[in-house]
C-alpha atoms as a PDB file:
ATOM      1  CA  LYS A   1     -27.953  24.095  -7.165  1.00  0.00           C
ATOM      2  CA  MET A   2     -25.417  26.173  -8.999  1.00  0.00           C
ATOM      3  CA  ARG A   3     -21.931  24.675  -8.853  1.00  0.00           C
ATOM      4  CA  ALA A   4     -18.750  26.701  -8.879  1.00  0.00           C
ATOM      5  CA  GLY A   5     -15.417  25.561 -10.228  1.00  0.00           C
ATOM      6  CA  TRP A   6     -12.552  26.271 -12.564  1.00  0.00           C
ATOM      7  CA  GLY A   7     -13.200  23.989 -15.528  1.00  0.00           C
ATOM      8  CA  VAL A   8     -11.994  20.438 -16.114  1.00  0.00           C
ATOM      9  CA  ARG A   9      -8.198  20.198 -15.875  1.00  0.00           C
ATOM     10  CA  GLY A  10      -7.693  16.965 -17.789  1.00  0.00           C
ATOM     11  CA  ILE A  11      -9.003  13.656 -19.120  1.00  0.00           C
ATOM     12  CA  ALA A  12      -7.849  10.043 -19.129  1.00  0.00           C
ATOM     13  CA  TYR A  13      -7.681   7.316 -21.773  1.00  0.00           C
ATOM     14  CA  ALA A  14      -7.739   3.527 -21.341  1.00  0.00           C
ATOM     15  CA  ASP A  15      -9.561   0.442 -22.610  1.00  0.00           C
ATOM     16  CA  GLY A  16     -10.712   2.285 -25.740  1.00  0.00           C
ATOM     17  CA  LYS A  17     -12.423   4.908 -23.597  1.00  0.00           C
ATOM     18  CA  VAL A  18     -11.927   8.617 -23.018  1.00  0.00           C
ATOM     19  CA  ILE A  19     -12.895   9.365 -19.404  1.00  0.00           C
ATOM     20  CA  THR A  20     -13.678  12.782 -17.971  1.00  0.00           C
ATOM     21  CA  GLY A  21     -15.260  14.356 -14.950  1.00  0.00           C
ATOM     22  CA  THR A  22     -17.966  17.019 -15.152  1.00  0.00           C
ATOM     23  CA  LEU A  23     -18.670  20.092 -13.072  1.00  0.00           C
ATOM     24  CA  ASP A  24     -21.841  18.548 -11.659  1.00  0.00           C
ATOM     25  CA  GLY A  25     -19.904  15.566 -10.281  1.00  0.00           C
ATOM     26  CA  ARG A  26     -20.341  12.878 -12.919  1.00  0.00           C
ATOM     27  CA  LEU A  27     -17.607  10.619 -14.272  1.00  0.00           C
ATOM     28  CA  VAL A  28     -18.291   9.824 -17.927  1.00  0.00           C
ATOM     29  CA  ALA A  29     -16.647   7.195 -20.132  1.00  0.00           C
ATOM     30  CA  LEU A  30     -16.901   7.792 -23.882  1.00  0.00           C
ATOM     31  CA  ASP A  31     -16.154   5.390 -26.706  1.00  0.00           C
ATOM     32  CA  ALA A  32     -12.915   6.830 -28.088  1.00  0.00           C
ATOM     33  CA  ALA A  33     -13.842   5.936 -31.663  1.00  0.00           C
ATOM     34  CA  THR A  34     -17.363   7.373 -31.706  1.00  0.00           C
ATOM     35  CA  GLY A  35     -17.621   9.764 -28.760  1.00  0.00           C
ATOM     36  CA  LYS A  36     -20.755   7.983 -27.553  1.00  0.00           C
ATOM     37  CA  PRO A  37     -21.205   7.482 -23.781  1.00  0.00           C
ATOM     38  CA  VAL A  38     -20.411   3.971 -22.541  1.00  0.00           C
ATOM     39  CA  TRP A  39     -21.199   4.543 -18.866  1.00  0.00           C
ATOM     40  CA  THR A  40     -21.769   7.363 -16.401  1.00  0.00           C
ATOM     41  CA  ALA A  41     -21.168   7.298 -12.652  1.00  0.00           C
ATOM     42  CA  MET A  42     -22.498   9.953 -10.285  1.00  0.00           C
ATOM     43  CA  THR A  43     -19.606  10.419  -7.877  1.00  0.00           C
ATOM     44  CA  VAL A  44     -21.161  12.994  -5.534  1.00  0.00           C
ATOM     45  CA  ASP A  45     -24.433  13.660  -3.770  1.00  0.00           C
ATOM     46  CA  PRO A  46     -26.384  16.028  -6.050  1.00  0.00           C
ATOM     47  CA  LYS A  47     -27.586  17.881  -2.933  1.00  0.00           C
ATOM     48  CA  ASP A  48     -24.120  18.970  -1.775  1.00  0.00           C
ATOM     49  CA  ARG A  49     -21.631  21.435  -3.232  1.00  0.00           C
ATOM     50  CA  ARG A  50     -19.051  18.994  -4.565  1.00  0.00           C
ATOM     51  CA  TYR A  51     -17.873  19.266  -8.143  1.00  0.00           C
ATOM     52  CA  ILE A  52     -15.178  17.767 -10.373  1.00  0.00           C
ATOM     53  CA  THR A  53     -12.459  19.802 -12.045  1.00  0.00           C
ATOM     54  CA  GLY A  54      -9.534  17.372 -11.717  1.00  0.00           C
ATOM     55  CA  ALA A  55      -8.459  14.710 -14.180  1.00  0.00           C
ATOM     56  CA  PRO A  56      -9.276  11.040 -13.568  1.00  0.00           C
ATOM     57  CA  TYR A  57      -6.332   8.627 -13.257  1.00  0.00           C
ATOM     58  CA  ILE A  58      -6.103   5.040 -14.481  1.00  0.00           C
ATOM     59  CA  LEU A  59      -5.299   2.265 -11.973  1.00  0.00           C
ATOM     60  CA  LYS A  60      -4.971  -0.839 -14.185  1.00  0.00           C
ATOM     61  CA  ASP A  61      -8.623  -1.911 -14.582  1.00  0.00           C
ATOM     62  CA  LYS A  62      -9.993   0.989 -12.539  1.00  0.00           C
ATOM     63  CA  VAL A  63     -10.284   4.752 -12.813  1.00  0.00           C
ATOM     64  CA  ILE A  64     -10.031   7.047  -9.769  1.00  0.00           C
ATOM     65  CA  ILE A  65     -11.525  10.511  -9.278  1.00  0.00           C
ATOM     66  CA  GLY A  66     -11.741  13.029  -6.461  1.00  0.00           C
ATOM     67  CA  HIS A  67     -13.700  16.281  -6.142  1.00  0.00           C
ATOM     68  CA  GLY A  68     -13.593  19.893  -5.025  1.00  0.00           C
ATOM     69  CA  GLY A  69     -16.105  22.011  -3.147  1.00  0.00           C
ATOM     70  CA  SER A  70     -14.968  22.557   0.426  1.00  0.00           C
ATOM     71  CA  ASP A  71     -14.709  26.290  -0.239  1.00  0.00           C
ATOM     72  CA  TYR A  72     -18.473  26.412  -0.829  1.00  0.00           C
ATOM     73  CA  GLY A  73     -19.930  24.276   1.921  1.00  0.00           C
ATOM     74  CA  PRO A  74     -19.179  21.673   4.602  1.00  0.00           C
ATOM     75  CA  LEU A  75     -17.975  18.415   3.123  1.00  0.00           C
ATOM     76  CA  ARG A  76     -15.882  15.372   3.964  1.00  0.00           C
ATOM     77  CA  GLY A  77     -13.329  14.656   1.240  1.00  0.00           C
ATOM     78  CA  TYR A  78     -12.915  11.336  -0.545  1.00  0.00           C
ATOM     79  CA  VAL A  79     -11.655   9.630  -3.689  1.00  0.00           C
ATOM     80  CA  THR A  80     -13.565   6.906  -5.507  1.00  0.00           C
ATOM     81  CA  ALA A  81     -12.395   4.153  -7.851  1.00  0.00           C
ATOM     82  CA  TYR A  82     -14.655   2.719 -10.544  1.00  0.00           C
ATOM     83  CA  ASP A  83     -14.438  -0.364 -12.755  1.00  0.00           C
ATOM     84  CA  ILE A  84     -13.241   0.924 -16.105  1.00  0.00           C
ATOM     85  CA  LYS A  85     -15.454  -1.470 -18.087  1.00  0.00           C
ATOM     86  CA  THR A  86     -18.746  -1.001 -16.225  1.00  0.00           C
ATOM     87  CA  GLY A  87     -18.491   2.198 -14.187  1.00  0.00           C
ATOM     88  CA  LYS A  88     -19.396   0.257 -11.026  1.00  0.00           C
ATOM     89  CA  GLN A  89     -17.868   1.630  -7.816  1.00  0.00           C
ATOM     90  CA  ALA A  90     -14.923  -0.514  -6.682  1.00  0.00           C
ATOM     91  CA  TRP A  91     -13.902   1.351  -3.521  1.00  0.00           C
ATOM     92  CA  ARG A  92     -13.956   4.725  -1.783  1.00  0.00           C
ATOM     93  CA  PHE A  93     -11.387   6.230   0.583  1.00  0.00           C
ATOM     94  CA  TYR A  94     -12.309   9.141   2.838  1.00  0.00           C
ATOM     95  CA  THR A  95      -9.512  11.621   3.516  1.00  0.00           C
ATOM     96  CA  VAL A  96     -10.797  12.820   6.909  1.00  0.00           C
ATOM     97  CA  PRO A  97     -12.730  11.018   9.655  1.00  0.00           C
ATOM     98  CA  GLY A  98     -16.455  11.400  10.155  1.00  0.00           C
ATOM     99  CA  ASN A  99     -18.489  11.456  13.354  1.00  0.00           C
ATOM    100  CA  PRO A 100     -16.960   8.866  15.724  1.00  0.00           C
ATOM    101  CA  ALA A 101     -20.456   8.006  16.947  1.00  0.00           C
ATOM    102  CA  ASP A 102     -21.152   6.516  13.503  1.00  0.00           C
ATOM    103  CA  GLY A 103     -18.112   4.242  13.662  1.00  0.00           C
ATOM    104  CA  PHE A 104     -15.059   4.291  11.407  1.00  0.00           C
ATOM    105  CA  GLU A 105     -14.844   2.854   7.895  1.00  0.00           C
ATOM    106  CA  ASN A 106     -11.351   1.466   8.502  1.00  0.00           C
ATOM    107  CA  LYS A 107      -8.339   1.604  10.835  1.00  0.00           C
ATOM    108  CA  ALA A 108      -6.927   4.560   8.918  1.00  0.00           C
ATOM    109  CA  MET A 109      -9.955   6.679   9.822  1.00  0.00           C
ATOM    110  CA  GLU A 110      -9.752   5.532  13.439  1.00  0.00           C
ATOM    111  CA  MET A 111      -6.111   6.622  13.482  1.00  0.00           C
ATOM    112  CA  ALA A 112      -6.892   9.940  11.798  1.00  0.00           C
ATOM    113  CA  ALA A 113      -9.684  10.757  14.275  1.00  0.00           C
ATOM    114  CA  LYS A 114      -7.118  10.847  17.081  1.00  0.00           C
ATOM    115  CA  THR A 115      -5.572  13.894  15.380  1.00  0.00           C
ATOM    116  CA  TRP A 116      -8.793  15.953  15.459  1.00  0.00           C
ATOM    117  CA  SER A 117     -10.564  17.631  18.376  1.00  0.00           C
ATOM    118  CA  GLY A 118     -13.926  19.204  19.104  1.00  0.00           C
ATOM    119  CA  GLU A 119     -16.836  18.416  16.788  1.00  0.00           C
ATOM    120  CA  TRP A 120     -15.019  18.752  13.474  1.00  0.00           C
ATOM    121  CA  TRP A 121     -17.496  16.561  11.589  1.00  0.00           C
ATOM    122  CA  LYS A 122     -20.169  19.256  11.913  1.00  0.00           C
ATOM    123  CA  PHE A 123     -17.977  21.376   9.615  1.00  0.00           C
ATOM    124  CA  GLY A 124     -17.287  18.475   7.242  1.00  0.00           C
ATOM    125  CA  GLY A 125     -13.549  18.482   7.844  1.00  0.00           C
ATOM    126  CA  GLY A 126     -12.561  19.260   4.254  1.00  0.00           C
ATOM    127  CA  GLY A 127      -9.687  17.346   2.670  1.00  0.00           C
ATOM    128  CA  PRO A 128     -10.892  17.377  -0.962  1.00  0.00           C
ATOM    129  CA  VAL A 129      -8.698  15.719  -3.604  1.00  0.00           C
ATOM    130  CA  TRP A 130      -9.420  18.203  -6.359  1.00  0.00           C
ATOM    131  CA  HIS A 131      -6.377  17.603  -8.533  1.00  0.00           C
ATOM    132  CA  ALA A 132      -3.139  15.734  -7.831  1.00  0.00           C
ATOM    133  CA  MET A 133      -2.950  11.950  -8.141  1.00  0.00           C
ATOM    134  CA  ALA A 134      -0.602   9.380  -9.635  1.00  0.00           C
ATOM    135  CA  TYR A 135      -0.351   5.612 -10.092  1.00  0.00           C
ATOM    136  CA  ASP A 136       2.734   3.484  -9.522  1.00  0.00           C
ATOM    137  CA  PRO A 137       2.347   0.162 -11.400  1.00  0.00           C
ATOM    138  CA  GLN A 138       5.546  -1.265  -9.883  1.00  0.00           C
ATOM    139  CA  LEU A 139       4.234  -0.949  -6.325  1.00  0.00           C
ATOM    140  CA  ASN A 140       0.532  -0.967  -7.304  1.00  0.00           C
ATOM    141  CA  LEU A 141      -0.025   2.181  -5.268  1.00  0.00           C
ATOM    142  CA  ALA A 142      -2.326   5.112  -5.947  1.00  0.00           C
ATOM    143  CA  TYR A 143      -1.009   8.418  -4.593  1.00  0.00           C
ATOM    144  CA  ILE A 144      -3.464  11.201  -3.785  1.00  0.00           C
ATOM    145  CA  GLY A 145      -2.771  14.815  -2.844  1.00  0.00           C
ATOM    146  CA  VAL A 146      -5.207  15.955  -0.149  1.00  0.00           C
ATOM    147  CA  GLY A 147      -6.575  19.477   0.244  1.00  0.00           C
ATOM    148  CA  ASN A 148      -6.898  21.756   3.232  1.00  0.00           C
ATOM    149  CA  ALA A 149      -9.075  21.275   6.290  1.00  0.00           C
ATOM    150  CA  MET A 150     -12.211  23.367   6.693  1.00  0.00           C
ATOM    151  CA  PRO A 151     -12.979  25.835   8.098  1.00  0.00           C
ATOM    152  CA  HIS A 152      -9.596  27.472   7.515  1.00  0.00           C
ATOM    153  CA  ASN A 153      -9.387  28.685  11.110  1.00  0.00           C
ATOM    154  CA  PRO A 154      -8.120  25.726  13.182  1.00  0.00           C
ATOM    155  CA  LYS A 155      -9.428  27.279  16.408  1.00  0.00           C
ATOM    156  CA  ILE A 156     -12.945  26.650  15.109  1.00  0.00           C
ATOM    157  CA  ARG A 157     -12.595  23.168  13.623  1.00  0.00           C
ATOM    158  CA  ASN A 158      -9.856  21.864  15.933  1.00  0.00           C
ATOM    159  CA  PRO A 159      -9.946  23.739  19.267  1.00  0.00           C
ATOM    160  CA  GLY A 160      -7.892  21.166  21.145  1.00  0.00           C
ATOM    161  CA  ASP A 161      -5.096  21.060  18.554  1.00  0.00           C
ATOM    162  CA  GLY A 162      -3.967  18.006  16.545  1.00  0.00           C
ATOM    163  CA  ASP A 163      -2.522  17.336  13.084  1.00  0.00           C
ATOM    164  CA  ASN A 164      -5.885  16.902  11.266  1.00  0.00           C
ATOM    165  CA  LEU A 165      -4.995  13.872   9.157  1.00  0.00           C
ATOM    166  CA  PHE A 166      -5.064  13.366   6.249  1.00  0.00           C
ATOM    167  CA  THR A 167      -5.439  16.998   5.190  1.00  0.00           C
ATOM    168  CA  CYS A 168      -2.536  18.646   3.336  1.00  0.00           C
ATOM    169  CA  ALA A 169      -0.888  15.245   2.899  1.00  0.00           C
ATOM    170  CA  ILE A 170       0.214  12.790   0.246  1.00  0.00           C
ATOM    171  CA  VAL A 171      -1.514   9.465   0.900  1.00  0.00           C
ATOM    172  CA  ALA A 172      -0.580   6.131  -0.687  1.00  0.00           C
ATOM    173  CA  LEU A 173      -3.393   3.621  -1.202  1.00  0.00           C
ATOM    174  CA  ASN A 174      -3.518   0.029  -2.413  1.00  0.00           C
ATOM    175  CA  ALA A 175      -4.820   0.466  -5.960  1.00  0.00           C
ATOM    176  CA  ASP A 176      -6.869  -2.753  -5.849  1.00  0.00           C
ATOM    177  CA  THR A 177      -8.650  -2.171  -2.546  1.00  0.00           C
ATOM    178  CA  GLY A 178      -8.234   1.501  -1.603  1.00  0.00           C
ATOM    179  CA  GLU A 179      -6.620   0.432   1.680  1.00  0.00           C
ATOM    180  CA  TYR A 180      -4.331   2.968   3.379  1.00  0.00           C
ATOM    181  CA  VAL A 181      -0.607   2.191   3.059  1.00  0.00           C
ATOM    182  CA  TRP A 182       1.284   5.342   4.178  1.00  0.00           C
ATOM    183  CA  HIS A 183       1.099   9.131   4.278  1.00  0.00           C
ATOM    184  CA  TYR A 184       3.300  12.189   4.493  1.00  0.00           C
ATOM    185  CA  GLN A 185       1.688  15.355   5.842  1.00  0.00           C
ATOM    186  CA  ALA A 186       3.388  18.572   4.749  1.00  0.00           C
ATOM    187  CA  ASN A 187       1.301  20.946   6.907  1.00  0.00           C
ATOM    188  CA  PRO A 188      -0.149  19.613  10.182  1.00  0.00           C
ATOM    189  CA  ASN A 189      -3.155  21.575  11.526  1.00  0.00           C
ATOM    190  CA  GLU A 190      -2.869  23.870   8.503  1.00  0.00           C
ATOM    191  CA  ALA A 191      -4.494  27.325   8.447  1.00  0.00           C
ATOM    192  CA  TRP A 192      -3.408  28.980   5.178  1.00  0.00           C
ATOM    193  CA  ASP A 193      -4.819  26.821   2.334  1.00  0.00           C
ATOM    194  CA  PHE A 194      -1.365  25.268   1.854  1.00  0.00           C
ATOM    195  CA  ASP A 195      -2.760  22.006   0.550  1.00  0.00           C
ATOM    196  CA  ALA A 196      -0.952  19.143  -1.198  1.00  0.00           C
ATOM    197  CA  ASN A 197      -3.085  19.156  -4.332  1.00  0.00           C
ATOM    198  CA  LEU A 198      -0.446  20.233  -6.841  1.00  0.00           C
ATOM    199  CA  ASP A 199       1.024  17.845  -9.413  1.00  0.00           C
ATOM    200  CA  ILE A 200       2.550  14.556  -8.308  1.00  0.00           C
ATOM    201  CA  GLU A 201       5.333  13.123 -10.465  1.00  0.00           C
ATOM    202  CA  LEU A 202       7.082   9.759 -10.110  1.00  0.00           C
ATOM    203  CA  ALA A 203      10.737   9.302 -11.026  1.00  0.00           C
ATOM    204  CA  ASP A 204      13.902   7.302 -10.385  1.00  0.00           C
ATOM    205  CA  ILE A 205      16.719   9.477  -9.073  1.00  0.00           C
ATOM    206  CA  ASP A 206      20.172   8.986  -7.571  1.00  0.00           C
ATOM    207  CA  VAL A 207      20.080   9.111  -3.753  1.00  0.00           C
ATOM    208  CA  ASP A 208      23.461   8.535  -2.086  1.00  0.00           C
ATOM    209  CA  GLY A 209      24.657   6.647  -5.132  1.00  0.00           C
ATOM    210  CA  LYS A 210      21.604   4.380  -5.302  1.00  0.00           C
ATOM    211  CA  LYS A 211      18.859   4.505  -7.917  1.00  0.00           C
ATOM    212  CA  THR A 212      15.726   5.227  -5.895  1.00  0.00           C
ATOM    213  CA  PRO A 213      12.048   5.456  -6.896  1.00  0.00           C
ATOM    214  CA  VAL A 214      10.626   8.722  -5.580  1.00  0.00           C
ATOM    215  CA  LEU A 215       7.506  10.859  -5.553  1.00  0.00           C
ATOM    216  CA  LEU A 216       7.928  14.570  -6.352  1.00  0.00           C
ATOM    217  CA  ASN A 217       5.511  17.244  -5.143  1.00  0.00           C
ATOM    218  CA  ALA A 218       5.766  21.028  -5.050  1.00  0.00           C
ATOM    219  CA  SER A 219       3.470  22.022  -2.211  1.00  0.00           C
ATOM    220  CA  LYS A 220       1.557  25.269  -1.830  1.00  0.00           C
ATOM    221  CA  ASN A 221       3.691  26.005   1.230  1.00  0.00           C
ATOM    222  CA  GLY A 222       6.649  26.863  -1.018  1.00  0.00           C
ATOM    223  CA  PHE A 223       8.675  23.700  -0.406  1.00  0.00           C
ATOM    224  CA  PHE A 224       9.526  20.961  -2.922  1.00  0.00           C
ATOM    225  CA  TYR A 225       9.210  17.466  -1.487  1.00  0.00           C
ATOM    226  CA  VAL A 226      10.969  14.272  -2.580  1.00  0.00           C
ATOM    227  CA  LEU A 227       9.447  11.226  -0.872  1.00  0.00           C
END
């Protein structure tokens, strides 16, 4: 199938490798000295409409990547971490819950499902992580910025109301395991494509006279968040 997208927004470097995503959903590690491929991981189902335009991020001995595509077909968002030496999948974290009849991958998805209504899984749910991520080595946390729910109209996907976690949220994950740690949702039950996919920066700033580690994110909703 033809894949749409906006071009790759960035690359990563670690362990003597240049790592990039491709529009057809592959994650490719190249030998930085020669440009020859070291490993390739297919991060999406070739039959769906997912694609990669975002930059990968390094998590110590792993590399994490998300995807786009919810504007072109029903999908359930996720991020995937791969071993930086081998390209073997280390873990995957879904950003929205699937069909409850299939069971939940973890307690985070069970919690998130309580914030959805109707039969949202038939529409995929959305929540792609198409761009923003960051890694905090001090806390060993991976931060991901999650996209909007789909369809845009909440009366279709979420007729009984609910916040639709973890769409339009910053989510912190254990970098070693992908386990959920915390989240902050900027736009509950969002309807305007105000996702949280824009750049995430980490800094130490003065808060009430105390040096405090913070996460900075300018959301599509027009507000600047300091977490």
